[in-house]
Amino acid sequence: MSRNGTYKPNLCECKFNVNEDFARTIEDGAITPRQIAELTARGIPVTPQAVEREIQGNDSWYVDPAFKRGMDMATAWELEQRSQAQARYALQRQKHTDFVKKLQNIE
């Protein structure tokens, strides 16, 4: 290229949109030590994926009771018995309220 020639740069266009391309921060996105303790108590490992699910409110994370920390056969049996008792109580209560409603409709 000669010294007298004119330089014509190849201009490019920036396609970066500040409003759309930046990752937005999540409101209340920090996790506190108390939340970490609650996650570990529920048997959920404190990893970035688990924290992200917890912060975003996704309830799809479920840990089977058999795989929770501190679970043994006796604790599992007690948990099963308590769940069965609660289910029986709820069923009896529902039958009672249905019966009362039938009586009120007859009178």
C-alpha atoms as a PDB file:
ATOM      1  CA  MET A   1       0.000   0.000   0.000  1.00  0.00           C
ATOM      2  CA  SER A   2       1.371   3.327  -0.927  1.00  0.00           C
ATOM      3  CA  ARG A   3       1.723   6.237   1.362  1.00  0.00           C
ATOM      4  CA  ASN A   4      -0.610   8.380  -0.659  1.00  0.00           C
ATOM      5  CA  GLY A   5      -3.419   5.844  -0.724  1.00  0.00           C
ATOM      6  CA  THR A   6      -6.410   6.210   1.518  1.00  0.00           C
ATOM      7  CA  TYR A   7      -7.160   3.577   4.093  1.00  0.00           C
ATOM      8  CA  LYS A   8     -10.757   2.372   4.152  1.00  0.00           C
ATOM      9  CA  PRO A   9     -11.366   0.309   7.271  1.00  0.00           C
ATOM     10  CA  ASN A  10     -13.941  -2.480   7.241  1.00  0.00           C
ATOM     11  CA  LEU A  11     -16.461  -1.313   9.789  1.00  0.00           C
ATOM     12  CA  CYS A  12     -18.567  -3.830  11.660  1.00  0.00           C
ATOM     13  CA  GLU A  13     -21.820  -3.463  13.465  1.00  0.00           C
ATOM     14  CA  CYS A  14     -22.117  -4.431  17.099  1.00  0.00           C
ATOM     15  CA  LYS A  15     -25.154  -6.635  17.685  1.00  0.00           C
ATOM     16  CA  PHE A  16     -24.869  -6.586  21.463  1.00  0.00           C
ATOM     17  CA  ASN A  17     -28.025  -5.249  23.100  1.00  0.00           C
ATOM     18  CA  VAL A  18     -27.404  -4.042  26.634  1.00  0.00           C
ATOM     19  CA  ASN A  19     -31.037  -4.473  27.710  1.00  0.00           C
ATOM     20  CA  GLU A  20     -31.363  -8.062  26.516  1.00  0.00           C
ATOM     21  CA  ASP A  21     -27.918  -9.644  26.484  1.00  0.00           C
ATOM     22  CA  PHE A  22     -26.793  -8.924  30.042  1.00  0.00           C
ATOM     23  CA  ALA A  23     -27.717 -11.540  32.617  1.00  0.00           C
ATOM     24  CA  ARG A  24     -30.106  -9.886  35.033  1.00  0.00           C
ATOM     25  CA  THR A  25     -29.671 -10.356  38.730  1.00  0.00           C
ATOM     26  CA  ILE A  26     -32.362 -12.225  40.605  1.00  0.00           C
ATOM     27  CA  GLU A  27     -34.067 -10.310  43.375  1.00  0.00           C
ATOM     28  CA  ASP A  28     -33.361 -11.924  46.759  1.00  0.00           C
ATOM     29  CA  GLY A  29     -30.847 -14.158  45.000  1.00  0.00           C
ATOM     30  CA  ALA A  30     -28.474 -14.497  47.910  1.00  0.00           C
ATOM     31  CA  ILE A  31     -28.650 -17.554  50.122  1.00  0.00           C
ATOM     32  CA  THR A  32     -28.206 -17.152  53.847  1.00  0.00           C
ATOM     33  CA  PRO A  33     -26.498 -19.552  56.246  1.00  0.00           C
ATOM     34  CA  ARG A  34     -29.934 -20.365  57.680  1.00  0.00           C
ATOM     35  CA  GLN A  35     -31.175 -21.414  54.230  1.00  0.00           C
ATOM     36  CA  ILE A  36     -28.043 -23.532  53.800  1.00  0.00           C
ATOM     37  CA  ALA A  37     -28.790 -25.232  57.121  1.00  0.00           C
ATOM     38  CA  GLU A  38     -32.408 -25.841  56.068  1.00  0.00           C
ATOM     39  CA  LEU A  39     -31.274 -27.364  52.759  1.00  0.00           C
ATOM     40  CA  THR A  40     -28.837 -29.691  54.479  1.00  0.00           C
ATOM     41  CA  ALA A  41     -31.478 -30.623  57.075  1.00  0.00           C
ATOM     42  CA  ARG A  42     -33.810 -31.599  54.226  1.00  0.00           C
ATOM     43  CA  GLY A  43     -31.022 -33.717  52.742  1.00  0.00           C
ATOM     44  CA  ILE A  44     -30.391 -31.475  49.732  1.00  0.00           C
ATOM     45  CA  PRO A  45     -26.709 -30.937  48.975  1.00  0.00           C
ATOM     46  CA  VAL A  46     -25.755 -27.273  48.794  1.00  0.00           C
ATOM     47  CA  THR A  47     -24.574 -27.029  45.198  1.00  0.00           C
ATOM     48  CA  PRO A  48     -25.080 -24.200  42.714  1.00  0.00           C
ATOM     49  CA  GLN A  49     -27.841 -26.188  40.994  1.00  0.00           C
ATOM     50  CA  ALA A  50     -29.727 -26.863  44.225  1.00  0.00           C
ATOM     51  CA  VAL A  51     -29.332 -23.263  45.358  1.00  0.00           C
ATOM     52  CA  GLU A  52     -30.607 -22.016  42.002  1.00  0.00           C
ATOM     53  CA  ARG A  53     -33.682 -24.233  42.278  1.00  0.00           C
ATOM     54  CA  GLU A  54     -34.318 -23.094  45.824  1.00  0.00           C
ATOM     55  CA  ILE A  55     -33.962 -19.385  44.987  1.00  0.00           C
ATOM     56  CA  GLN A  56     -36.109 -19.542  41.865  1.00  0.00           C
ATOM     57  CA  GLY A  57     -38.827 -21.359  43.775  1.00  0.00           C
ATOM     58  CA  ASN A  58     -38.823 -24.515  41.703  1.00  0.00           C
ATOM     59  CA  ASP A  59     -40.338 -27.229  43.876  1.00  0.00           C
ATOM     60  CA  SER A  60     -39.424 -30.072  41.569  1.00  0.00           C
ATOM     61  CA  TRP A  61     -36.488 -30.980  43.816  1.00  0.00           C
ATOM     62  CA  TYR A  62     -37.585 -33.901  45.940  1.00  0.00           C
ATOM     63  CA  VAL A  63     -35.378 -36.200  47.981  1.00  0.00           C
ATOM     64  CA  ASP A  64     -36.803 -39.623  48.697  1.00  0.00           C
ATOM     65  CA  PRO A  65     -36.948 -40.133  52.490  1.00  0.00           C
ATOM     66  CA  ALA A  66     -34.780 -43.246  52.218  1.00  0.00           C
ATOM     67  CA  PHE A  67     -31.914 -41.133  50.863  1.00  0.00           C
ATOM     68  CA  LYS A  68     -32.031 -38.304  53.407  1.00  0.00           C
ATOM     69  CA  ARG A  69     -29.142 -37.830  55.778  1.00  0.00           C
ATOM     70  CA  GLY A  70     -29.487 -39.515  59.123  1.00  0.00           C
ATOM     71  CA  MET A  71     -32.157 -41.925  57.846  1.00  0.00           C
ATOM     72  CA  ASP A  72     -32.103 -45.454  59.181  1.00  0.00           C
ATOM     73  CA  MET A  73     -34.669 -48.272  59.272  1.00  0.00           C
ATOM     74  CA  ALA A  74     -36.228 -47.171  62.573  1.00  0.00           C
ATOM     75  CA  THR A  75     -36.613 -43.563  61.457  1.00  0.00           C
ATOM     76  CA  ALA A  76     -38.109 -44.682  58.142  1.00  0.00           C
ATOM     77  CA  TRP A  77     -40.594 -46.940  59.977  1.00  0.00           C
ATOM     78  CA  GLU A  78     -41.599 -44.106  62.344  1.00  0.00           C
ATOM     79  CA  LEU A  79     -42.025 -41.749  59.388  1.00  0.00           C
ATOM     80  CA  GLU A  80     -44.199 -44.314  57.606  1.00  0.00           C
ATOM     81  CA  GLN A  81     -46.371 -44.882  60.686  1.00  0.00           C
ATOM     82  CA  ARG A  82     -46.831 -41.147  61.218  1.00  0.00           C
ATOM     83  CA  SER A  83     -47.799 -40.656  57.565  1.00  0.00           C
ATOM     84  CA  GLN A  84     -50.324 -43.503  57.726  1.00  0.00           C
ATOM     85  CA  ALA A  85     -51.851 -42.068  60.903  1.00  0.00           C
ATOM     86  CA  GLN A  86     -52.175 -38.641  59.310  1.00  0.00           C
ATOM     87  CA  ALA A  87     -53.803 -40.146  56.215  1.00  0.00           C
ATOM     88  CA  ARG A  88     -56.295 -42.133  58.345  1.00  0.00           C
ATOM     89  CA  TYR A  89     -57.135 -39.028  60.367  1.00  0.00           C
ATOM     90  CA  ALA A  90     -57.684 -36.950  57.220  1.00  0.00           C
ATOM     91  CA  LEU A  91     -59.920 -39.655  55.728  1.00  0.00           C
ATOM     92  CA  GLN A  92     -62.005 -39.948  58.907  1.00  0.00           C
ATOM     93  CA  ARG A  93     -62.362 -36.179  59.104  1.00  0.00           C
ATOM     94  CA  GLN A  94     -63.455 -35.997  55.457  1.00  0.00           C
ATOM     95  CA  LYS A  95     -66.042 -38.761  55.992  1.00  0.00           C
ATOM     96  CA  HIS A  96     -67.353 -36.936  59.057  1.00  0.00           C
ATOM     97  CA  THR A  97     -67.707 -33.603  57.244  1.00  0.00           C
ATOM     98  CA  ASP A  98     -69.414 -35.321  54.283  1.00  0.00           C
ATOM     99  CA  PHE A  99     -71.854 -37.019  56.686  1.00  0.00           C
ATOM    100  CA  VAL A 100     -72.628 -33.723  58.428  1.00  0.00           C
ATOM    101  CA  LYS A 101     -73.253 -32.033  55.078  1.00  0.00           C
ATOM    102  CA  LYS A 102     -75.650 -34.819  54.072  1.00  0.00           C
ATOM    103  CA  LEU A 103     -77.554 -34.392  57.332  1.00  0.00           C
ATOM    104  CA  GLN A 104     -77.786 -30.649  56.819  1.00  0.00           C
ATOM    105  CA  ASN A 105     -79.114 -31.112  53.281  1.00  0.00           C
ATOM    106  CA  ILE A 106     -81.797 -33.585  54.438  1.00  0.00           C
ATOM    107  CA  GLU A 107     -83.182 -31.279  57.103  1.00  0.00           C
END
